[in-house]
Amino acid sequence: MSYTTADGRRQIMEGLAGAIEHLGKALGELEGAYELLDERTADELEDQLFRPVQVGYGRAQRTYADFARRHELATRSFEGAAPGAPARGTKGLIERAVSDAAEADRELAELQDSMLPVEVGDAELRAGLEQVREQISGLGGRSRNLLRTLGR
């Protein structure tokens, strides 16, 4: 099936927007978990999980906006997610955040694997996608280490 450059760029924007939404949800869940933790554990959560997701979220938004500007595409805004519900508990909030970040990574990987960033994108887009994925990689392992120490 053939597509136009405009169609390819629209697909890139949609894929990137989906990843941004998932990262925003992850931030909300982590914010909710942070509020439930003691100071020491909250600081560890911030260092190990929140900060990498926050940096990835910001980088993804910049990549989205810059790509749209370079190619004169319409953009949308992204609202930060509300903090996760305390009823889920700290473990549930962290697990949900990691799941959302993993979904964002999956969407970005699919986008990269599609070759659209090469065919209709540009070098800045490819670099931005790579930087976002680098930020959010390894969250699963870091979250397991953090969850092991909860309640101790």
N, C-alpha and C. Protein backbone atom coordinates (compact mmCIF):
# COMPACT_ATOMS: atom_id res chain seq x y z
N MET A 1 0.84 -1.16 0.00
CA MET A 1 0.00 0.00 0.00
C MET A 1 0.90 1.24 0.00
N SER A 2 0.64 2.13 -0.90
CA SER A 2 1.43 3.34 -0.95
C SER A 2 0.78 4.43 -0.10
N TYR A 3 1.59 5.37 0.29
CA TYR A 3 1.11 6.49 1.08
C TYR A 3 1.86 7.72 0.63
N THR A 4 1.30 8.85 0.95
CA THR A 4 1.97 10.10 0.61
C THR A 4 2.85 10.53 1.77
N THR A 5 3.71 11.48 1.50
CA THR A 5 4.55 12.04 2.55
C THR A 5 3.68 12.62 3.65
N ALA A 6 2.59 13.29 3.25
CA ALA A 6 1.68 13.88 4.25
C ALA A 6 1.07 12.80 5.12
N ASP A 7 0.67 11.67 4.53
CA ASP A 7 0.10 10.57 5.31
C ASP A 7 1.13 10.02 6.28
N GLY A 8 2.36 9.85 5.82
CA GLY A 8 3.42 9.35 6.68
C GLY A 8 3.70 10.28 7.84
N ARG A 9 3.74 11.55 7.56
CA ARG A 9 3.99 12.52 8.64
C ARG A 9 2.83 12.56 9.62
N ARG A 10 1.63 12.41 9.15
CA ARG A 10 0.47 12.34 10.03
C ARG A 10 0.55 11.10 10.93
N GLN A 11 0.98 9.98 10.37
CA GLN A 11 1.15 8.76 11.17
C GLN A 11 2.22 8.96 12.24
N ILE A 12 3.28 9.63 11.89
CA ILE A 12 4.33 9.92 12.87
C ILE A 12 3.77 10.76 14.00
N MET A 13 3.03 11.80 13.65
CA MET A 13 2.45 12.68 14.67
C MET A 13 1.50 11.91 15.58
N GLU A 14 0.68 11.03 15.01
CA GLU A 14 -0.27 10.25 15.81
C GLU A 14 0.46 9.28 16.74
N GLY A 15 1.48 8.61 16.21
CA GLY A 15 2.24 7.67 17.04
C GLY A 15 2.96 8.37 18.18
N LEU A 16 3.55 9.49 17.88
CA LEU A 16 4.26 10.25 18.90
C LEU A 16 3.28 10.80 19.94
N ALA A 17 2.12 11.26 19.47
CA ALA A 17 1.09 11.76 20.40
C ALA A 17 0.63 10.66 21.35
N GLY A 18 0.45 9.45 20.84
CA GLY A 18 0.05 8.34 21.70
C GLY A 18 1.08 8.06 22.77
N ALA A 19 2.35 8.09 22.40
CA ALA A 19 3.43 7.86 23.37
C ALA A 19 3.44 8.97 24.43
N ILE A 20 3.23 10.21 24.00
CA ILE A 20 3.20 11.33 24.94
C ILE A 20 2.06 11.15 25.93
N GLU A 21 0.90 10.73 25.46
CA GLU A 21 -0.24 10.51 26.36
C GLU A 21 0.08 9.44 27.40
N HIS A 22 0.73 8.36 26.97
CA HIS A 22 1.09 7.29 27.92
C HIS A 22 2.11 7.79 28.95
N LEU A 23 3.07 8.58 28.51
CA LEU A 23 4.05 9.12 29.45
C LEU A 23 3.40 10.09 30.43
N GLY A 24 2.43 10.86 29.97
CA GLY A 24 1.70 11.75 30.86
C GLY A 24 0.94 10.98 31.92
N LYS A 25 0.32 9.87 31.52
CA LYS A 25 -0.38 9.01 32.49
C LYS A 25 0.61 8.44 33.51
N ALA A 26 1.77 8.00 33.01
CA ALA A 26 2.78 7.46 33.91
C ALA A 26 3.21 8.49 34.94
N LEU A 27 3.37 9.73 34.52
CA LEU A 27 3.74 10.79 35.46
C LEU A 27 2.67 10.98 36.52
N GLY A 28 1.41 10.95 36.12
CA GLY A 28 0.32 11.09 37.09
C GLY A 28 0.32 9.97 38.10
N GLU A 29 0.53 8.75 37.65
CA GLU A 29 0.57 7.60 38.56
C GLU A 29 1.75 7.72 39.52
N LEU A 30 2.90 8.13 39.01
CA LEU A 30 4.07 8.27 39.87
C LEU A 30 3.89 9.41 40.87
N GLU A 31 3.22 10.46 40.46
CA GLU A 31 2.93 11.55 41.39
C GLU A 31 2.04 11.06 42.53
N GLY A 32 1.04 10.25 42.18
CA GLY A 32 0.18 9.69 43.22
C GLY A 32 0.95 8.79 44.17
N ALA A 33 1.86 7.97 43.63
CA ALA A 33 2.67 7.08 44.47
C ALA A 33 3.58 7.89 45.38
N TYR A 34 4.16 8.94 44.85
CA TYR A 34 5.07 9.80 45.62
C TYR A 34 4.40 10.30 46.88
N GLU A 35 3.15 10.70 46.76
CA GLU A 35 2.40 11.25 47.90
C GLU A 35 2.16 10.22 49.01
N LEU A 36 2.25 8.95 48.68
CA LEU A 36 1.98 7.88 49.65
C LEU A 36 3.24 7.38 50.35
N LEU A 37 4.39 7.84 49.92
CA LEU A 37 5.65 7.29 50.42
C LEU A 37 6.29 8.17 51.49
N ASP A 38 7.14 7.53 52.30
CA ASP A 38 7.95 8.29 53.25
C ASP A 38 8.99 9.08 52.45
N GLU A 39 9.62 10.03 53.08
CA GLU A 39 10.51 10.96 52.38
C GLU A 39 11.67 10.24 51.67
N ARG A 40 12.31 9.32 52.35
CA ARG A 40 13.45 8.61 51.75
C ARG A 40 13.04 7.83 50.51
N THR A 41 11.95 7.07 50.63
CA THR A 41 11.49 6.26 49.50
C THR A 41 10.95 7.15 48.38
N ALA A 42 10.30 8.25 48.75
CA ALA A 42 9.80 9.18 47.74
C ALA A 42 10.96 9.78 46.94
N ASP A 43 12.05 10.10 47.62
CA ASP A 43 13.23 10.63 46.92
C ASP A 43 13.80 9.59 45.96
N GLU A 44 13.80 8.34 46.38
CA GLU A 44 14.30 7.27 45.51
C GLU A 44 13.38 7.10 44.30
N LEU A 45 12.07 7.15 44.53
CA LEU A 45 11.11 7.05 43.42
C LEU A 45 11.35 8.19 42.43
N GLU A 46 11.58 9.37 42.97
CA GLU A 46 11.82 10.53 42.10
C GLU A 46 13.07 10.32 41.25
N ASP A 47 14.15 9.86 41.86
CA ASP A 47 15.40 9.66 41.13
C ASP A 47 15.31 8.53 40.11
N GLN A 48 14.74 7.40 40.52
CA GLN A 48 14.76 6.19 39.70
C GLN A 48 13.67 6.13 38.64
N LEU A 49 12.51 6.72 38.92
CA LEU A 49 11.38 6.57 38.01
C LEU A 49 10.82 7.90 37.51
N PHE A 50 10.48 8.79 38.44
CA PHE A 50 9.79 10.01 38.04
C PHE A 50 10.64 10.87 37.10
N ARG A 51 11.87 11.15 37.50
CA ARG A 51 12.72 12.03 36.69
C ARG A 51 12.95 11.49 35.28
N PRO A 52 13.28 10.20 35.09
CA PRO A 52 13.45 9.72 33.72
C PRO A 52 12.17 9.83 32.88
N VAL A 53 11.02 9.54 33.50
CA VAL A 53 9.76 9.66 32.76
C VAL A 53 9.48 11.12 32.44
N GLN A 54 9.73 11.99 33.40
CA GLN A 54 9.49 13.42 33.18
C GLN A 54 10.38 13.97 32.06
N VAL A 55 11.64 13.59 32.06
CA VAL A 55 12.55 14.04 31.00
C VAL A 55 12.11 13.46 29.65
N GLY A 56 11.74 12.19 29.63
CA GLY A 56 11.26 11.57 28.40
C GLY A 56 9.99 12.24 27.88
N TYR A 57 9.10 12.58 28.79
CA TYR A 57 7.84 13.25 28.43
C TYR A 57 8.13 14.62 27.82
N GLY A 58 9.00 15.37 28.44
CA GLY A 58 9.36 16.67 27.91
C GLY A 58 10.04 16.57 26.55
N ARG A 59 10.95 15.61 26.43
CA ARG A 59 11.66 15.42 25.16
C ARG A 59 10.70 14.99 24.06
N ALA A 60 9.75 14.13 24.39
CA ALA A 60 8.76 13.69 23.41
C ALA A 60 7.91 14.87 22.94
N GLN A 61 7.51 15.73 23.86
CA GLN A 61 6.72 16.89 23.47
C GLN A 61 7.52 17.84 22.58
N ARG A 62 8.80 18.05 22.91
CA ARG A 62 9.64 18.90 22.07
C ARG A 62 9.83 18.30 20.68
N THR A 63 10.04 16.99 20.63
CA THR A 63 10.21 16.31 19.35
C THR A 63 8.96 16.47 18.50
N TYR A 64 7.81 16.29 19.12
CA TYR A 64 6.51 16.44 18.45
C TYR A 64 6.35 17.86 17.91
N ALA A 65 6.56 18.84 18.76
CA ALA A 65 6.36 20.24 18.37
C ALA A 65 7.37 20.68 17.31
N ASP A 66 8.62 20.29 17.48
CA ASP A 66 9.64 20.68 16.51
C ASP A 66 9.40 20.04 15.14
N PHE A 67 9.02 18.77 15.13
CA PHE A 67 8.72 18.09 13.87
C PHE A 67 7.55 18.78 13.17
N ALA A 68 6.51 19.08 13.93
CA ALA A 68 5.35 19.75 13.37
C ALA A 68 5.73 21.12 12.80
N ARG A 69 6.54 21.86 13.52
CA ARG A 69 6.96 23.18 13.06
C ARG A 69 7.78 23.08 11.78
N ARG A 70 8.73 22.14 11.75
CA ARG A 70 9.59 22.00 10.57
C ARG A 70 8.79 21.66 9.32
N HIS A 71 7.70 20.92 9.50
CA HIS A 71 6.92 20.45 8.34
C HIS A 71 5.55 21.12 8.25
N GLU A 72 5.37 22.19 9.03
CA GLU A 72 4.14 22.98 9.00
C GLU A 72 2.89 22.11 9.19
N LEU A 73 2.92 21.30 10.24
CA LEU A 73 1.80 20.42 10.57
C LEU A 73 1.04 20.97 11.77
N ALA A 74 -0.24 20.68 11.79
CA ALA A 74 -1.06 21.08 12.94
C ALA A 74 -0.67 20.26 14.16
N THR A 75 -0.71 20.89 15.31
CA THR A 75 -0.37 20.19 16.56
C THR A 75 -1.56 20.21 17.50
N ARG A 76 -1.42 19.51 18.57
CA ARG A 76 -2.39 19.53 19.64
C ARG A 76 -1.64 19.71 20.95
N SER A 77 -2.36 20.06 21.97
CA SER A 77 -1.71 20.23 23.27
C SER A 77 -1.93 18.96 24.08
N PHE A 78 -1.10 18.79 25.07
CA PHE A 78 -1.17 17.62 25.94
C PHE A 78 -1.36 18.09 27.37
N GLU A 79 -2.39 17.59 27.99
CA GLU A 79 -2.67 17.91 29.38
C GLU A 79 -1.98 16.88 30.26
N GLY A 80 -1.37 17.33 31.32
CA GLY A 80 -0.78 16.40 32.27
C GLY A 80 -1.88 15.59 32.95
N ALA A 81 -1.62 14.36 33.22
CA ALA A 81 -2.60 13.50 33.87
C ALA A 81 -2.72 13.86 35.35
N ALA A 82 -3.89 13.67 35.88
CA ALA A 82 -4.12 13.88 37.31
C ALA A 82 -3.35 12.82 38.09
N PRO A 83 -2.98 13.12 39.32
CA PRO A 83 -2.30 12.11 40.13
C PRO A 83 -3.13 10.84 40.24
N GLY A 84 -2.43 9.72 40.26
CA GLY A 84 -3.11 8.43 40.37
C GLY A 84 -3.90 8.32 41.66
N ALA A 85 -4.95 7.54 41.63
CA ALA A 85 -5.83 7.36 42.78
C ALA A 85 -5.12 6.61 43.90
N PRO A 86 -5.11 7.16 45.12
CA PRO A 86 -4.44 6.50 46.24
C PRO A 86 -5.01 5.11 46.54
N ALA A 87 -6.24 4.86 46.15
CA ALA A 87 -6.85 3.56 46.42
C ALA A 87 -6.11 2.42 45.74
N ARG A 88 -5.38 2.73 44.69
CA ARG A 88 -4.60 1.69 44.01
C ARG A 88 -3.40 1.23 44.85
N GLY A 89 -3.02 2.04 45.79
CA GLY A 89 -1.85 1.73 46.60
C GLY A 89 -0.58 2.06 45.86
N THR A 90 0.47 2.19 46.62
CA THR A 90 1.76 2.57 46.04
C THR A 90 2.21 1.57 44.98
N LYS A 91 2.14 0.30 45.31
CA LYS A 91 2.60 -0.72 44.37
C LYS A 91 1.78 -0.67 43.09
N GLY A 92 0.47 -0.57 43.21
CA GLY A 92 -0.39 -0.51 42.03
C GLY A 92 -0.11 0.71 41.17
N LEU A 93 0.12 1.85 41.81
CA LEU A 93 0.42 3.07 41.07
C LEU A 93 1.74 2.95 40.32
N ILE A 94 2.74 2.42 40.98
CA ILE A 94 4.05 2.28 40.33
C ILE A 94 3.97 1.27 39.18
N GLU A 95 3.30 0.16 39.42
CA GLU A 95 3.17 -0.84 38.35
C GLU A 95 2.42 -0.27 37.16
N ARG A 96 1.37 0.50 37.40
CA ARG A 96 0.60 1.10 36.31
C ARG A 96 1.46 2.12 35.56
N ALA A 97 2.25 2.90 36.29
CA ALA A 97 3.13 3.88 35.65
C ALA A 97 4.15 3.19 34.74
N VAL A 98 4.74 2.12 35.23
CA VAL A 98 5.72 1.39 34.44
C VAL A 98 5.05 0.78 33.21
N SER A 99 3.83 0.30 33.38
CA SER A 99 3.09 -0.24 32.25
C SER A 99 2.80 0.84 31.20
N ASP A 100 2.41 2.02 31.65
CA ASP A 100 2.17 3.12 30.72
C ASP A 100 3.45 3.53 30.00
N ALA A 101 4.55 3.60 30.72
CA ALA A 101 5.83 3.95 30.10
C ALA A 101 6.26 2.88 29.10
N ALA A 102 6.01 1.61 29.43
CA ALA A 102 6.34 0.52 28.51
C ALA A 102 5.48 0.62 27.25
N GLU A 103 4.23 1.02 27.40
CA GLU A 103 3.37 1.19 26.23
C GLU A 103 3.88 2.34 25.37
N ALA A 104 4.34 3.41 25.98
CA ALA A 104 4.92 4.51 25.22
C ALA A 104 6.16 4.03 24.46
N ASP A 105 6.99 3.26 25.12
CA ASP A 105 8.19 2.72 24.48
C ASP A 105 7.82 1.81 23.31
N ARG A 106 6.78 0.99 23.49
CA ARG A 106 6.32 0.10 22.42
C ARG A 106 5.87 0.92 21.21
N GLU A 107 5.11 1.98 21.46
CA GLU A 107 4.63 2.82 20.36
C GLU A 107 5.79 3.49 19.63
N LEU A 108 6.77 3.95 20.38
CA LEU A 108 7.93 4.59 19.76
C LEU A 108 8.75 3.56 18.97
N ALA A 109 8.88 2.36 19.51
CA ALA A 109 9.61 1.31 18.80
C ALA A 109 8.90 0.95 17.50
N GLU A 110 7.58 0.84 17.54
CA GLU A 110 6.82 0.56 16.32
C GLU A 110 7.03 1.66 15.29
N LEU A 111 7.03 2.89 15.76
CA LEU A 111 7.23 4.02 14.87
C LEU A 111 8.62 3.94 14.23
N GLN A 112 9.62 3.66 15.04
CA GLN A 112 10.98 3.54 14.50
C GLN A 112 11.08 2.37 13.53
N ASP A 113 10.48 1.24 13.89
CA ASP A 113 10.54 0.05 13.04
C ASP A 113 9.79 0.22 11.73
N SER A 114 8.83 1.13 11.70
CA SER A 114 8.05 1.35 10.48
C SER A 114 8.87 2.00 9.37
N MET A 115 9.98 2.58 9.72
CA MET A 115 10.85 3.30 8.80
C MET A 115 10.28 4.65 8.36
N LEU A 116 9.11 5.02 8.87
CA LEU A 116 8.55 6.33 8.54
C LEU A 116 9.48 7.47 8.93
N PRO A 117 10.13 7.41 10.11
CA PRO A 117 11.04 8.51 10.46
C PRO A 117 12.18 8.68 9.46
N VAL A 118 12.53 7.63 8.76
CA VAL A 118 13.58 7.71 7.74
C VAL A 118 12.98 8.19 6.42
N GLU A 119 11.83 7.62 6.06
CA GLU A 119 11.23 7.90 4.76
C GLU A 119 10.63 9.30 4.66
N VAL A 120 9.92 9.74 5.70
CA VAL A 120 9.24 11.03 5.62
C VAL A 120 9.57 11.95 6.79
N GLY A 121 10.47 11.51 7.62
CA GLY A 121 10.86 12.30 8.78
C GLY A 121 12.15 13.02 8.50
N ASP A 122 12.93 13.15 9.54
CA ASP A 122 14.21 13.83 9.41
C ASP A 122 15.13 13.39 10.55
N ALA A 123 16.37 13.81 10.48
CA ALA A 123 17.37 13.38 11.46
C ALA A 123 17.01 13.84 12.87
N GLU A 124 16.46 15.05 13.01
CA GLU A 124 16.09 15.55 14.33
C GLU A 124 14.99 14.70 14.95
N LEU A 125 14.04 14.28 14.15
CA LEU A 125 12.97 13.41 14.64
C LEU A 125 13.56 12.09 15.13
N ARG A 126 14.40 11.49 14.34
CA ARG A 126 15.00 10.20 14.72
C ARG A 126 15.80 10.32 16.00
N ALA A 127 16.55 11.41 16.13
CA ALA A 127 17.33 11.62 17.35
C ALA A 127 16.42 11.81 18.55
N GLY A 128 15.36 12.56 18.37
CA GLY A 128 14.41 12.78 19.47
C GLY A 128 13.75 11.49 19.93
N LEU A 129 13.33 10.65 19.00
CA LEU A 129 12.72 9.38 19.36
C LEU A 129 13.69 8.51 20.14
N GLU A 130 14.93 8.48 19.69
CA GLU A 130 15.96 7.69 20.37
C GLU A 130 16.20 8.22 21.79
N GLN A 131 16.24 9.52 21.94
CA GLN A 131 16.48 10.11 23.26
C GLN A 131 15.34 9.81 24.23
N VAL A 132 14.12 9.85 23.75
CA VAL A 132 12.97 9.52 24.61
C VAL A 132 13.08 8.07 25.06
N ARG A 133 13.34 7.18 24.13
CA ARG A 133 13.44 5.76 24.48
C ARG A 133 14.58 5.49 25.45
N GLU A 134 15.68 6.19 25.31
CA GLU A 134 16.80 6.03 26.24
C GLU A 134 16.39 6.43 27.65
N GLN A 135 15.62 7.49 27.77
CA GLN A 135 15.19 7.96 29.09
C GLN A 135 14.31 6.94 29.80
N ILE A 136 13.41 6.31 29.06
CA ILE A 136 12.42 5.44 29.72
C ILE A 136 12.83 3.97 29.72
N SER A 137 13.97 3.66 29.14
CA SER A 137 14.41 2.26 29.17
C SER A 137 14.84 1.87 30.58
N GLY A 138 14.62 0.65 30.93
CA GLY A 138 15.06 0.14 32.22
C GLY A 138 14.16 0.47 33.39
N LEU A 139 13.00 1.08 33.14
CA LEU A 139 12.12 1.42 34.26
C LEU A 139 11.59 0.19 34.99
N GLY A 140 11.36 -0.88 34.25
CA GLY A 140 10.85 -2.11 34.88
C GLY A 140 11.78 -2.63 35.95
N GLY A 141 13.05 -2.72 35.64
CA GLY A 141 14.03 -3.21 36.62
C GLY A 141 14.18 -2.26 37.80
N ARG A 142 14.22 -0.97 37.51
CA ARG A 142 14.34 0.01 38.59
C ARG A 142 13.11 0.00 39.49
N SER A 143 11.94 -0.21 38.89
CA SER A 143 10.72 -0.24 39.71
C SER A 143 10.70 -1.49 40.59
N ARG A 144 11.17 -2.62 40.06
CA ARG A 144 11.21 -3.84 40.88
C ARG A 144 12.13 -3.65 42.08
N ASN A 145 13.27 -3.00 41.86
CA ASN A 145 14.20 -2.74 42.97
C ASN A 145 13.54 -1.84 44.00
N LEU A 146 12.84 -0.83 43.56
CA LEU A 146 12.17 0.07 44.47
C LEU A 146 11.05 -0.64 45.23
N LEU A 147 10.26 -1.42 44.53
CA LEU A 147 9.13 -2.12 45.17
C LEU A 147 9.61 -3.13 46.20
N ARG A 148 10.78 -3.71 45.99
CA ARG A 148 11.31 -4.67 46.97
C ARG A 148 11.59 -4.02 48.32
N THR A 149 11.88 -2.72 48.29
CA THR A 149 12.24 -2.04 49.54
C THR A 149 11.04 -1.41 50.23
N LEU A 150 9.87 -1.41 49.61
CA LEU A 150 8.69 -0.82 50.25
C LEU A 150 8.34 -1.56 51.52
N GLY A 151 8.02 -0.80 52.54
CA GLY A 151 7.60 -1.41 53.80
C GLY A 151 8.73 -1.88 54.69
N ARG A 152 9.95 -1.65 54.28
CA ARG A 152 11.10 -2.10 55.09
C ARG A 152 11.59 -0.98 55.96
